Amino acid sequence: MSILNDLAATIASRKGADPESSWTAKLLSQGPEKCAEKFGEEAVEAIIEAVKGDRDRLTSEAADVLYHLLVMLAARDVALDDVLAELTRRQGTSGIAEKAARDRG
């Protein structure tokens, strides 16, 4: 996971940077809504490649999805460590039971 932590740190360092200096800074300067939109576009592209069965293209699109997810999280000040802590909290819990608990709560 260190590559994701490194990437999240790089993204965080781009907040407030000159939008002309990096793609990340440009995305973040456009606000959380634009970051979410871009994440959605990348997710759809990954879905398309998964359906097509093109392993190499899916791998590339999955990397784009992870990057844009981290940008979206940064735009809303959600730390990767918080997401990882939530995954840890859920570990060992049936997905069906966990979803049912969320639906009741």
N, C-alpha and C. Protein backbone atom coordinates (compact mmCIF):
# COMPACT_ATOMS: atom_id res chain seq x y z
N MET A 1 0.82 -1.20 0.00
CA MET A 1 0.00 0.00 0.00
C MET A 1 0.86 1.27 0.00
N SER A 2 2.16 1.10 0.12
CA SER A 2 2.99 2.31 0.21
C SER A 2 2.88 3.18 -1.03
N ILE A 3 2.67 2.57 -2.20
CA ILE A 3 2.53 3.39 -3.41
C ILE A 3 1.28 4.26 -3.32
N LEU A 4 0.20 3.72 -2.76
CA LEU A 4 -1.01 4.54 -2.60
C LEU A 4 -0.79 5.64 -1.56
N ASN A 5 -0.08 5.33 -0.49
CA ASN A 5 0.23 6.36 0.50
C ASN A 5 1.13 7.43 -0.10
N ASP A 6 2.11 7.02 -0.89
CA ASP A 6 2.98 7.99 -1.56
C ASP A 6 2.19 8.86 -2.53
N LEU A 7 1.30 8.23 -3.29
CA LEU A 7 0.49 8.99 -4.23
C LEU A 7 -0.44 9.96 -3.51
N ALA A 8 -1.05 9.52 -2.42
CA ALA A 8 -1.93 10.40 -1.64
C ALA A 8 -1.14 11.59 -1.10
N ALA A 9 0.09 11.36 -0.66
CA ALA A 9 0.92 12.46 -0.15
C ALA A 9 1.28 13.43 -1.27
N THR A 10 1.58 12.92 -2.45
CA THR A 10 1.88 13.79 -3.59
C THR A 10 0.66 14.63 -3.95
N ILE A 11 -0.50 14.00 -3.97
CA ILE A 11 -1.74 14.72 -4.28
C ILE A 11 -1.98 15.81 -3.25
N ALA A 12 -1.82 15.48 -1.97
CA ALA A 12 -2.01 16.48 -0.90
C ALA A 12 -1.04 17.65 -1.07
N SER A 13 0.16 17.37 -1.52
CA SER A 13 1.15 18.44 -1.70
C SER A 13 0.80 19.37 -2.85
N ARG A 14 -0.08 18.94 -3.73
CA ARG A 14 -0.48 19.75 -4.88
C ARG A 14 -1.65 20.69 -4.54
N LYS A 15 -2.30 20.47 -3.39
CA LYS A 15 -3.42 21.35 -3.01
C LYS A 15 -2.90 22.77 -2.87
N GLY A 16 -3.55 23.68 -3.53
CA GLY A 16 -3.15 25.08 -3.46
C GLY A 16 -2.00 25.44 -4.38
N ALA A 17 -1.47 24.47 -5.10
CA ALA A 17 -0.37 24.76 -6.04
C ALA A 17 -0.94 25.43 -7.28
N ASP A 18 -0.06 25.99 -8.06
CA ASP A 18 -0.44 26.65 -9.31
C ASP A 18 -1.06 25.61 -10.25
N PRO A 19 -2.31 25.85 -10.68
CA PRO A 19 -2.97 24.90 -11.58
C PRO A 19 -2.23 24.66 -12.89
N GLU A 20 -1.37 25.57 -13.25
CA GLU A 20 -0.57 25.38 -14.47
C GLU A 20 0.63 24.49 -14.23
N SER A 21 0.88 24.16 -12.95
CA SER A 21 2.08 23.39 -12.62
C SER A 21 1.88 21.89 -12.67
N SER A 22 0.63 21.43 -12.52
CA SER A 22 0.39 19.98 -12.55
C SER A 22 -1.08 19.69 -12.82
N TRP A 23 -1.32 18.50 -13.37
CA TRP A 23 -2.69 18.05 -13.62
C TRP A 23 -3.46 17.94 -12.30
N THR A 24 -2.81 17.44 -11.27
CA THR A 24 -3.46 17.30 -9.97
C THR A 24 -3.89 18.65 -9.43
N ALA A 25 -3.00 19.62 -9.47
CA ALA A 25 -3.33 20.96 -8.99
C ALA A 25 -4.47 21.55 -9.80
N LYS A 26 -4.47 21.30 -11.09
CA LYS A 26 -5.55 21.81 -11.95
C LYS A 26 -6.89 21.19 -11.55
N LEU A 27 -6.90 19.86 -11.37
CA LEU A 27 -8.14 19.20 -10.95
C LEU A 27 -8.64 19.75 -9.62
N LEU A 28 -7.74 19.81 -8.65
CA LEU A 28 -8.13 20.28 -7.31
C LEU A 28 -8.63 21.72 -7.34
N SER A 29 -8.06 22.54 -8.21
CA SER A 29 -8.48 23.95 -8.29
C SER A 29 -9.88 24.10 -8.86
N GLN A 30 -10.37 23.05 -9.55
CA GLN A 30 -11.71 23.10 -10.13
C GLN A 30 -12.80 22.67 -9.15
N GLY A 31 -12.39 22.25 -7.97
CA GLY A 31 -13.35 21.94 -6.91
C GLY A 31 -13.73 20.48 -6.82
N PRO A 32 -14.33 20.11 -5.69
CA PRO A 32 -14.68 18.71 -5.44
C PRO A 32 -15.65 18.12 -6.45
N GLU A 33 -16.55 18.93 -6.95
CA GLU A 33 -17.54 18.42 -7.90
C GLU A 33 -16.86 17.96 -9.18
N LYS A 34 -15.91 18.75 -9.68
CA LYS A 34 -15.18 18.38 -10.90
C LYS A 34 -14.32 17.15 -10.65
N CYS A 35 -13.72 17.07 -9.47
CA CYS A 35 -12.91 15.89 -9.13
C CYS A 35 -13.80 14.65 -9.10
N ALA A 36 -15.00 14.77 -8.56
CA ALA A 36 -15.93 13.64 -8.52
C ALA A 36 -16.37 13.25 -9.93
N GLU A 37 -16.63 14.24 -10.75
CA GLU A 37 -17.02 13.97 -12.14
C GLU A 37 -15.92 13.21 -12.87
N LYS A 38 -14.68 13.64 -12.70
CA LYS A 38 -13.56 12.99 -13.37
C LYS A 38 -13.39 11.56 -12.85
N PHE A 39 -13.56 11.35 -11.54
CA PHE A 39 -13.51 10.00 -10.98
C PHE A 39 -14.58 9.12 -11.64
N GLY A 40 -15.78 9.65 -11.78
CA GLY A 40 -16.86 8.90 -12.41
C GLY A 40 -16.54 8.52 -13.84
N GLU A 41 -15.97 9.45 -14.59
CA GLU A 41 -15.59 9.16 -15.97
C GLU A 41 -14.58 8.03 -16.03
N GLU A 42 -13.59 8.08 -15.16
CA GLU A 42 -12.56 7.04 -15.14
C GLU A 42 -13.13 5.69 -14.72
N ALA A 43 -14.07 5.71 -13.79
CA ALA A 43 -14.71 4.46 -13.35
C ALA A 43 -15.48 3.82 -14.50
N VAL A 44 -16.19 4.63 -15.26
CA VAL A 44 -16.92 4.11 -16.42
C VAL A 44 -15.95 3.51 -17.44
N GLU A 45 -14.83 4.18 -17.67
CA GLU A 45 -13.85 3.66 -18.61
C GLU A 45 -13.31 2.31 -18.13
N ALA A 46 -13.10 2.16 -16.83
CA ALA A 46 -12.64 0.88 -16.28
C ALA A 46 -13.71 -0.20 -16.46
N ILE A 47 -14.95 0.16 -16.25
CA ILE A 47 -16.05 -0.79 -16.43
C ILE A 47 -16.09 -1.28 -17.87
N ILE A 48 -15.95 -0.37 -18.81
CA ILE A 48 -15.97 -0.73 -20.23
C ILE A 48 -14.86 -1.73 -20.54
N GLU A 49 -13.67 -1.47 -20.02
CA GLU A 49 -12.55 -2.38 -20.29
C GLU A 49 -12.75 -3.73 -19.60
N ALA A 50 -13.39 -3.73 -18.43
CA ALA A 50 -13.68 -5.00 -17.74
C ALA A 50 -14.65 -5.83 -18.56
N VAL A 51 -15.66 -5.18 -19.14
CA VAL A 51 -16.64 -5.88 -19.96
C VAL A 51 -15.99 -6.42 -21.24
N LYS A 52 -15.11 -5.61 -21.82
CA LYS A 52 -14.42 -6.04 -23.05
C LYS A 52 -13.46 -7.20 -22.78
N GLY A 53 -12.94 -7.26 -21.56
CA GLY A 53 -12.00 -8.32 -21.23
C GLY A 53 -10.56 -8.01 -21.60
N ASP A 54 -10.26 -6.74 -21.85
CA ASP A 54 -8.89 -6.35 -22.20
C ASP A 54 -8.11 -6.11 -20.90
N ARG A 55 -7.33 -7.09 -20.52
CA ARG A 55 -6.61 -7.06 -19.24
C ARG A 55 -5.67 -5.86 -19.13
N ASP A 56 -4.89 -5.58 -20.16
CA ASP A 56 -3.94 -4.48 -20.11
C ASP A 56 -4.64 -3.13 -20.00
N ARG A 57 -5.70 -2.94 -20.79
CA ARG A 57 -6.45 -1.68 -20.73
C ARG A 57 -7.16 -1.54 -19.38
N LEU A 58 -7.69 -2.64 -18.85
CA LEU A 58 -8.34 -2.59 -17.55
C LEU A 58 -7.33 -2.21 -16.47
N THR A 59 -6.14 -2.77 -16.55
CA THR A 59 -5.10 -2.43 -15.58
C THR A 59 -4.79 -0.94 -15.63
N SER A 60 -4.66 -0.40 -16.82
CA SER A 60 -4.38 1.02 -16.98
C SER A 60 -5.52 1.88 -16.45
N GLU A 61 -6.74 1.51 -16.80
CA GLU A 61 -7.90 2.28 -16.35
C GLU A 61 -8.08 2.16 -14.83
N ALA A 62 -7.77 0.99 -14.27
CA ALA A 62 -7.87 0.83 -12.82
C ALA A 62 -6.89 1.76 -12.10
N ALA A 63 -5.69 1.92 -12.67
CA ALA A 63 -4.73 2.86 -12.09
C ALA A 63 -5.28 4.28 -12.14
N ASP A 64 -5.93 4.64 -13.25
CA ASP A 64 -6.55 5.96 -13.36
C ASP A 64 -7.65 6.13 -12.32
N VAL A 65 -8.43 5.08 -12.10
CA VAL A 65 -9.51 5.13 -11.10
C VAL A 65 -8.93 5.38 -9.71
N LEU A 66 -7.90 4.65 -9.35
CA LEU A 66 -7.30 4.83 -8.03
C LEU A 66 -6.75 6.24 -7.86
N TYR A 67 -6.06 6.74 -8.87
CA TYR A 67 -5.53 8.10 -8.81
C TYR A 67 -6.66 9.12 -8.63
N HIS A 68 -7.69 9.01 -9.46
CA HIS A 68 -8.77 9.99 -9.39
C HIS A 68 -9.61 9.84 -8.12
N LEU A 69 -9.68 8.63 -7.56
CA LEU A 69 -10.33 8.46 -6.26
C LEU A 69 -9.56 9.23 -5.20
N LEU A 70 -8.24 9.12 -5.21
CA LEU A 70 -7.43 9.85 -4.23
C LEU A 70 -7.55 11.35 -4.40
N VAL A 71 -7.64 11.82 -5.64
CA VAL A 71 -7.84 13.25 -5.88
C VAL A 71 -9.20 13.69 -5.33
N MET A 72 -10.23 12.90 -5.59
CA MET A 72 -11.57 13.22 -5.09
C MET A 72 -11.58 13.26 -3.56
N LEU A 73 -10.95 12.29 -2.94
CA LEU A 73 -10.87 12.27 -1.47
C LEU A 73 -10.14 13.51 -0.96
N ALA A 74 -9.03 13.86 -1.60
CA ALA A 74 -8.27 15.04 -1.18
C ALA A 74 -9.09 16.31 -1.32
N ALA A 75 -9.90 16.38 -2.36
CA ALA A 75 -10.73 17.56 -2.59
C ALA A 75 -11.74 17.76 -1.46
N ARG A 76 -12.09 16.68 -0.78
CA ARG A 76 -13.03 16.75 0.35
C ARG A 76 -12.34 16.51 1.69
N ASP A 77 -11.01 16.60 1.69
CA ASP A 77 -10.22 16.44 2.91
C ASP A 77 -10.47 15.12 3.63
N VAL A 78 -10.62 14.06 2.85
CA VAL A 78 -10.75 12.71 3.41
C VAL A 78 -9.40 12.03 3.21
N ALA A 79 -8.77 11.63 4.30
CA ALA A 79 -7.45 11.01 4.23
C ALA A 79 -7.55 9.55 3.81
N LEU A 80 -6.59 9.10 3.03
CA LEU A 80 -6.52 7.69 2.66
C LEU A 80 -6.48 6.83 3.91
N ASP A 81 -5.77 7.26 4.93
CA ASP A 81 -5.70 6.49 6.18
C ASP A 81 -7.08 6.29 6.79
N ASP A 82 -7.97 7.25 6.64
CA ASP A 82 -9.34 7.10 7.16
C ASP A 82 -10.09 6.02 6.38
N VAL A 83 -9.89 5.99 5.08
CA VAL A 83 -10.53 4.96 4.25
C VAL A 83 -9.97 3.59 4.61
N LEU A 84 -8.66 3.51 4.77
CA LEU A 84 -8.03 2.25 5.13
C LEU A 84 -8.49 1.78 6.51
N ALA A 85 -8.67 2.72 7.44
CA ALA A 85 -9.17 2.37 8.78
C ALA A 85 -10.59 1.82 8.69
N GLU A 86 -11.40 2.38 7.81
CA GLU A 86 -12.76 1.86 7.63
C GLU A 86 -12.73 0.46 7.05
N LEU A 87 -11.83 0.21 6.11
CA LEU A 87 -11.69 -1.15 5.56
C LEU A 87 -11.24 -2.12 6.65
N THR A 88 -10.32 -1.68 7.49
CA THR A 88 -9.85 -2.52 8.60
C THR A 88 -10.99 -2.82 9.55
N ARG A 89 -11.82 -1.82 9.84
CA ARG A 89 -12.96 -2.01 10.73
C ARG A 89 -13.92 -3.06 10.17
N ARG A 90 -14.06 -3.06 8.86
CA ARG A 90 -14.99 -4.00 8.22
C ARG A 90 -14.42 -5.39 8.03
N GLN A 91 -13.10 -5.52 8.14
CA GLN A 91 -12.45 -6.80 7.87
C GLN A 91 -13.01 -7.88 8.79
N GLY A 92 -13.31 -9.02 8.19
CA GLY A 92 -13.84 -10.14 8.96
C GLY A 92 -15.34 -10.10 9.15
N THR A 93 -15.98 -9.06 8.64
CA THR A 93 -17.43 -8.95 8.72
C THR A 93 -18.00 -9.33 7.37
N SER A 94 -19.03 -10.13 7.39
CA SER A 94 -19.70 -10.50 6.14
C SER A 94 -20.18 -9.24 5.45
N GLY A 95 -19.95 -9.17 4.15
CA GLY A 95 -20.43 -8.02 3.38
C GLY A 95 -21.93 -7.87 3.46
N ILE A 96 -22.63 -8.98 3.51
CA ILE A 96 -24.09 -8.94 3.61
C ILE A 96 -24.50 -8.38 4.97
N ALA A 97 -23.84 -8.82 6.04
CA ALA A 97 -24.17 -8.33 7.39
C ALA A 97 -23.79 -6.86 7.52
N GLU A 98 -22.65 -6.47 6.96
CA GLU A 98 -22.20 -5.08 7.06
C GLU A 98 -23.16 -4.16 6.34
N LYS A 99 -23.61 -4.54 5.15
CA LYS A 99 -24.55 -3.71 4.39
C LYS A 99 -25.88 -3.63 5.13
N ALA A 100 -26.35 -4.72 5.70
CA ALA A 100 -27.61 -4.72 6.44
C ALA A 100 -27.54 -3.79 7.64
N ALA A 101 -26.40 -3.77 8.31
CA ALA A 101 -26.21 -2.87 9.46
C ALA A 101 -26.25 -1.41 9.02
N ARG A 102 -25.65 -1.11 7.87
CA ARG A 102 -25.68 0.27 7.36
C ARG A 102 -27.10 0.67 6.97
N ASP A 103 -27.83 -0.24 6.36
CA ASP A 103 -29.21 0.04 5.92
C ASP A 103 -30.14 0.31 7.11
N ARG A 104 -29.86 -0.36 8.24
CA ARG A 104 -30.70 -0.14 9.44
C ARG A 104 -30.31 1.14 10.16
N GLY A 105 -29.06 1.54 10.02
CA GLY A 105 -28.55 2.65 10.82
C GLY A 105 -28.75 3.94 10.17
